[in-house]
Amino acid sequence: MEDKDRTLKVKEVAEFLSLHYTKVYQLIASGQLKAIDISTKKNKPSAGKHRPNWRIPNSYLSEFVESRRNNGW
């Protein structure tokens, strides 16, 4: 996690944390892991149902890992 500006896909985070990617989605949904929705359709009314396209900046992942270390993960 050297480059703080780099963003990771959900599957990359899952691999890094040794979790299934659905668990990463759960962590995002619960607010435990911060993420950014980069979907281009989220603000277009004609686009239909919004499907998030999550990216997790290295800085957010570092915060998450540090919080887990401090709480005995």
Protein backbone atom coordinates (compact mmCIF):
# COMPACT_ATOMS: atom_id res chain seq x y z
CA MET A 1 0.00 0.00 0.00
CA GLU A 2 2.72 2.43 -0.94
CA ASP A 3 0.87 4.80 -3.28
CA LYS A 4 -1.85 6.55 -1.26
CA ASP A 5 -3.51 7.94 -4.42
CA ARG A 6 -3.97 4.56 -6.09
CA THR A 7 -7.45 3.07 -6.04
CA LEU A 8 -8.23 -0.62 -5.91
CA LYS A 9 -11.14 -2.65 -7.21
CA VAL A 10 -13.24 -4.69 -4.80
CA LYS A 11 -11.67 -7.96 -5.94
CA GLU A 12 -8.17 -6.54 -5.42
CA VAL A 13 -9.08 -5.53 -1.87
CA ALA A 14 -10.60 -8.95 -1.25
CA GLU A 15 -7.40 -10.61 -2.40
CA PHE A 16 -5.27 -8.32 -0.24
CA LEU A 17 -7.42 -9.00 2.85
CA SER A 18 -7.84 -12.73 2.04
CA LEU A 19 -11.62 -12.34 1.97
CA HIS A 20 -14.32 -13.25 -0.52
CA TYR A 21 -15.29 -10.24 -2.61
CA THR A 22 -18.88 -10.38 -1.30
CA LYS A 23 -17.51 -9.73 2.20
CA VAL A 24 -15.81 -6.57 0.91
CA TYR A 25 -19.17 -5.41 -0.49
CA GLN A 26 -20.70 -6.07 2.94
CA LEU A 27 -17.97 -4.04 4.64
CA ILE A 28 -18.65 -1.16 2.24
CA ALA A 29 -22.43 -1.37 2.73
CA SER A 30 -22.04 -1.35 6.52
CA GLY A 31 -19.72 1.67 6.42
CA GLN A 32 -16.79 -0.20 7.95
CA LEU A 33 -14.75 0.21 4.76
CA LYS A 34 -14.95 3.55 2.98
CA ALA A 35 -15.18 3.45 -0.82
CA ILE A 36 -15.90 5.74 -3.76
CA ASP A 37 -18.60 5.03 -6.34
CA ILE A 38 -17.15 5.88 -9.74
CA SER A 39 -20.26 4.84 -11.67
CA THR A 40 -21.11 7.24 -14.48
CA LYS A 41 -24.81 6.35 -14.45
CA LYS A 42 -25.63 7.34 -10.87
CA ASN A 43 -26.88 10.85 -11.75
CA LYS A 44 -28.74 10.07 -14.96
CA PRO A 45 -32.50 9.53 -14.51
CA SER A 46 -32.76 7.59 -17.78
CA ALA A 47 -30.02 5.19 -16.81
CA GLY A 48 -32.30 2.85 -14.87
CA LYS A 49 -31.29 1.22 -11.62
CA HIS A 50 -28.01 2.49 -10.23
CA ARG A 51 -25.32 -0.15 -9.84
CA PRO A 52 -22.32 1.14 -7.89
CA ASN A 53 -18.83 0.70 -9.27
CA TRP A 54 -16.70 0.84 -6.14
CA ARG A 55 -13.06 1.83 -5.85
CA ILE A 56 -11.14 1.86 -2.59
CA PRO A 57 -8.25 4.31 -2.31
CA ASN A 58 -5.14 2.92 -0.64
CA SER A 59 -5.54 5.50 2.11
CA TYR A 60 -9.03 4.14 2.95
CA LEU A 61 -7.71 0.58 2.95
CA SER A 62 -4.84 1.60 5.25
CA GLU A 63 -7.32 3.22 7.66
CA PHE A 64 -9.45 0.06 7.64
CA VAL A 65 -6.49 -2.26 8.28
CA GLU A 66 -5.19 -0.01 11.07
CA SER A 67 -8.61 0.13 12.75
CA ARG A 68 -8.81 -3.67 12.63
CA ARG A 69 -5.34 -4.03 14.13
CA ASN A 70 -6.31 -1.72 16.98
CA ASN A 71 -9.51 -3.68 17.62
CA GLY A 72 -7.94 -7.14 17.54
CA TRP A 73 -9.05 -8.31 14.11
